[in-house]
């Protein structure tokens, strides 16, 4: 699969490493693509670099893994390229960093996934890859025995299925927690945020059926 990742930091770079290893083609989109050269050399021929718009156009699915406060600009710049695609929001709204947009997410009261979906109305939005602490995302992927869970929220069944496959390919056990109105369960401050739980732990913490 061709995957676009907007952002190449702790989350974006880590996911890209896992997915290249799993056989996917990945394009990272950043503001200064020349800075990606060390990462691209490490990842090999299936990894590419470009702008955010390049990554949005390249991917069959597109992951946003930058600061949540950048979402309005990303949505405006890439709206046409993201239309109709599975778009994964892996960003977290922090009031101290992201200011008014994080406050707007909280005021909406439906979780950051629902808010993000309002910014990219043509996309098939899924919230995922934001809840597991990034060090565990890097170091615990595909661990022996019971894998860590990757909580996922979304309204589109086919998009959820695809993101579940990507979670599995990255070395995690996908757990669908509900629709976008339940995406607050993945946000900072929730019962599972940054706890790096197994699937059973996530379901128990959120009161989901096994």
Protein backbone atom coordinates (compact mmCIF):
# COMPACT_ATOMS: atom_id res chain seq x y z
CA UNK A 1 0.00 0.00 0.00
CA UNK A 2 1.08 3.59 -0.62
CA UNK A 3 0.99 5.58 2.61
CA UNK A 4 1.44 9.30 3.05
CA UNK A 5 2.59 10.54 6.45
CA UNK A 6 2.43 14.26 7.13
CA UNK A 7 5.08 14.69 9.80
CA UNK A 8 8.22 12.65 10.48
CA UNK A 9 8.77 13.10 14.21
CA UNK A 10 8.32 10.65 17.07
CA UNK A 11 5.00 9.25 15.85
CA UNK A 12 5.23 9.76 12.10
CA UNK A 13 8.81 8.56 11.81
CA UNK A 14 8.16 5.55 14.01
CA UNK A 15 5.05 4.48 12.08
CA UNK A 16 6.90 4.94 8.81
CA UNK A 17 9.71 2.66 9.99
CA UNK A 18 7.22 -0.06 10.94
CA UNK A 19 5.28 0.19 7.69
CA UNK A 20 8.33 0.21 5.44
CA UNK A 21 9.50 -2.91 7.26
CA UNK A 22 6.06 -4.46 6.61
CA UNK A 23 6.46 -3.81 2.87
CA UNK A 24 4.48 -0.59 2.35
CA UNK A 25 5.62 2.39 0.29
CA UNK A 26 5.79 5.49 2.48
CA UNK A 27 6.14 9.16 1.63
CA UNK A 28 6.86 11.59 4.45
CA UNK A 29 5.60 15.12 3.96
CA UNK A 30 7.40 17.90 5.82
CA UNK A 31 8.11 21.60 5.35
CA UNK A 32 11.83 20.99 4.70
CA UNK A 33 12.12 17.71 2.74
CA UNK A 34 15.91 17.96 2.55
CA UNK A 35 16.01 17.33 6.30
CA UNK A 36 14.60 13.84 5.67
CA UNK A 37 17.71 12.48 3.97
CA UNK A 38 19.18 10.64 7.00
CA UNK A 39 15.82 9.01 7.70
CA UNK A 40 15.28 8.04 4.04
CA UNK A 41 18.75 6.53 3.84
CA UNK A 42 18.02 4.46 6.95
CA UNK A 43 14.63 3.25 5.70
CA UNK A 44 15.68 2.37 2.15
CA UNK A 45 14.05 2.44 -1.27
CA UNK A 46 10.44 2.18 -0.09
CA UNK A 47 10.69 5.50 1.78
CA UNK A 48 10.30 8.86 0.03
CA UNK A 49 10.25 12.49 1.05
CA UNK A 50 8.37 15.56 -0.11
CA UNK A 51 5.97 18.25 0.98
CA UNK A 52 2.76 17.71 2.88
CA UNK A 53 0.85 18.04 -0.37
CA UNK A 54 3.13 15.44 -1.98
CA UNK A 55 2.39 13.00 0.85
CA UNK A 56 -1.35 13.69 0.70
CA UNK A 57 -1.42 13.05 -3.05
CA UNK A 58 0.85 9.98 -2.83
CA UNK A 59 -0.98 7.97 -0.20
CA UNK A 60 -3.84 5.57 -0.67
CA UNK A 61 -4.25 6.42 2.99
CA UNK A 62 -2.78 9.49 4.71
CA UNK A 63 -1.70 9.88 8.33
CA UNK A 64 -1.36 13.27 9.99
CA UNK A 65 1.27 13.03 12.74
CA UNK A 66 2.13 16.66 13.45
CA UNK A 67 1.06 19.06 16.21
CA UNK A 68 -2.73 19.21 16.47
CA UNK A 69 -2.63 22.99 16.17
CA UNK A 70 -1.40 22.63 12.57
CA UNK A 71 -4.57 20.81 11.48
CA UNK A 72 -6.46 23.87 10.14
CA UNK A 73 -3.56 24.79 7.84
CA UNK A 74 -3.03 21.16 6.78
CA UNK A 75 -6.73 20.79 6.03
CA UNK A 76 -6.85 23.99 4.00
CA UNK A 77 -3.71 23.20 2.00
CA UNK A 78 -4.59 19.55 1.30
CA UNK A 79 -8.39 19.45 1.26
CA UNK A 80 -8.71 18.38 -2.38
CA UNK A 81 -5.95 15.77 -2.13
CA UNK A 82 -7.53 14.23 0.97
CA UNK A 83 -11.06 14.07 -0.38
CA UNK A 84 -12.37 10.51 -0.50
CA UNK A 85 -9.27 9.04 1.16
CA UNK A 86 -8.83 7.32 4.48
CA UNK A 87 -7.21 9.98 6.66
CA UNK A 88 -5.82 9.00 10.04
CA UNK A 89 -5.54 11.64 12.74
CA UNK A 90 -2.62 10.67 15.00
CA UNK A 91 -2.34 14.09 16.66
CA UNK A 92 -3.19 15.10 20.22
CA UNK A 93 -4.71 18.45 21.26
CA UNK A 94 -2.79 19.99 24.16
CA UNK A 95 -4.12 23.38 25.37
CA UNK A 96 -0.69 24.62 26.49
CA UNK A 97 0.78 23.97 23.04
CA UNK A 98 -2.16 24.20 20.64
CA UNK A 99 -4.15 26.99 22.26
CA UNK A 100 -7.57 27.85 20.90
CA UNK A 101 -8.03 24.78 18.73
CA UNK A 102 -7.50 22.47 21.72
CA UNK A 103 -10.02 24.58 23.62
CA UNK A 104 -12.46 24.24 20.70
CA UNK A 105 -12.07 20.45 20.77
CA UNK A 106 -12.88 20.43 24.48
CA UNK A 107 -15.85 22.77 24.00
CA UNK A 108 -17.24 20.54 21.23
CA UNK A 109 -17.25 17.66 23.69
CA UNK A 110 -17.14 14.88 21.09
CA UNK A 111 -13.41 14.13 20.96
CA UNK A 112 -10.65 15.34 18.69
CA UNK A 113 -11.52 12.82 15.97
CA UNK A 114 -14.95 14.36 15.52
CA UNK A 115 -13.44 17.85 15.47
CA UNK A 116 -10.82 16.86 12.90
CA UNK A 117 -13.53 15.34 10.70
CA UNK A 118 -15.22 18.74 10.59
CA UNK A 119 -12.00 20.22 9.15
CA UNK A 120 -11.72 17.64 6.33
CA UNK A 121 -15.38 16.90 5.46
CA UNK A 122 -14.54 14.97 2.29
CA UNK A 123 -12.17 12.55 4.01
CA UNK A 124 -12.90 9.20 5.65
CA UNK A 125 -11.49 10.18 9.02
CA UNK A 126 -10.19 7.68 11.57
CA UNK A 127 -8.58 8.50 14.92
CA UNK A 128 -5.66 6.19 15.71
CA UNK A 129 -1.95 5.92 16.56
CA UNK A 130 -2.11 8.81 19.05
CA UNK A 131 -2.79 6.94 22.28
CA UNK A 132 0.17 4.59 22.72
CA UNK A 133 3.18 6.38 24.21
CA UNK A 134 5.61 6.94 21.35
CA UNK A 135 8.51 5.12 23.04
CA UNK A 136 6.30 2.05 23.34
CA UNK A 137 5.11 2.62 19.77
CA UNK A 138 8.77 2.34 18.78
CA UNK A 139 10.07 -0.32 21.14
CA UNK A 140 7.10 -2.61 21.88
CA UNK A 141 5.81 -3.13 18.33
CA UNK A 142 5.40 -6.80 17.54
CA UNK A 143 6.63 -7.85 20.96
CA UNK A 144 6.51 -11.55 21.87
CA UNK A 145 3.39 -12.80 23.59
CA UNK A 146 0.35 -10.54 23.97
CA UNK A 147 0.78 -7.43 21.89
CA UNK A 148 -0.10 -3.91 22.94
CA UNK A 149 -3.45 -2.62 21.77
CA UNK A 150 -3.92 0.15 19.24
CA UNK A 151 -7.22 1.92 20.01
CA UNK A 152 -9.10 3.15 16.92
CA UNK A 153 -12.25 5.26 16.46
CA UNK A 154 -14.17 6.02 13.28
CA UNK A 155 -17.53 5.99 11.53
CA UNK A 156 -16.56 4.37 8.20
CA UNK A 157 -16.44 0.56 8.48
CA UNK A 158 -14.11 0.08 5.52
CA UNK A 159 -11.77 2.80 6.76
CA UNK A 160 -11.69 1.20 10.21
CA UNK A 161 -10.85 -2.14 8.63
CA UNK A 162 -7.97 -0.65 6.65
CA UNK A 163 -6.55 1.15 9.68
CA UNK A 164 -6.88 -2.08 11.65
CA UNK A 165 -4.67 -3.77 9.05
CA UNK A 166 -2.14 -0.94 9.34
CA UNK A 167 -2.14 -1.28 13.13
CA UNK A 168 -1.51 -5.01 12.77
CA UNK A 169 1.24 -4.40 10.22
CA UNK A 170 2.88 -2.00 12.70
CA UNK A 171 2.87 -4.74 15.34
CA UNK A 172 -0.18 -3.86 17.44
CA UNK A 173 -3.57 -5.37 18.23
CA UNK A 174 -6.32 -3.10 16.80
CA UNK A 175 -9.23 -2.33 19.13
CA UNK A 176 -12.18 -0.34 17.80
CA UNK A 177 -13.55 1.77 20.64
CA UNK A 178 -16.47 3.25 18.71
CA UNK A 179 -17.33 6.01 16.29
CA UNK A 180 -15.81 9.47 16.07
CA UNK A 181 -18.11 10.69 18.84
CA UNK A 182 -16.27 8.23 21.11
CA UNK A 183 -12.84 9.43 19.98
CA UNK A 184 -12.43 11.35 23.23
CA UNK A 185 -11.53 7.99 24.73
CA UNK A 186 -8.24 8.27 22.80
CA UNK A 187 -7.48 11.87 23.80
CA UNK A 188 -5.09 13.15 26.50
CA UNK A 189 -6.47 12.65 29.97
CA UNK A 190 -8.57 9.61 29.11
CA UNK A 191 -8.47 6.31 31.00
CA UNK A 192 -6.23 4.73 28.35
CA UNK A 193 -4.13 7.63 27.09
CA UNK A 194 -0.38 6.87 27.16
CA UNK A 195 -1.05 3.76 29.27
CA UNK A 196 0.14 1.29 26.58
CA UNK A 197 -2.37 -1.43 27.47
CA UNK A 198 -3.22 -4.79 25.98
CA UNK A 199 -6.53 -5.20 24.16
CA UNK A 200 -8.10 -6.70 27.28
CA UNK A 201 -6.87 -3.76 29.33
CA UNK A 202 -8.32 -1.22 26.91
CA UNK A 203 -11.68 -2.96 26.83
CA UNK A 204 -11.80 -3.18 30.61
CA UNK A 205 -10.81 0.47 31.09
CA UNK A 206 -13.47 1.67 28.63
CA UNK A 207 -16.18 -0.83 29.55
CA UNK A 208 -16.21 -2.40 26.09
CA UNK A 209 -17.44 -5.90 25.40
CA UNK A 210 -14.69 -8.45 24.91
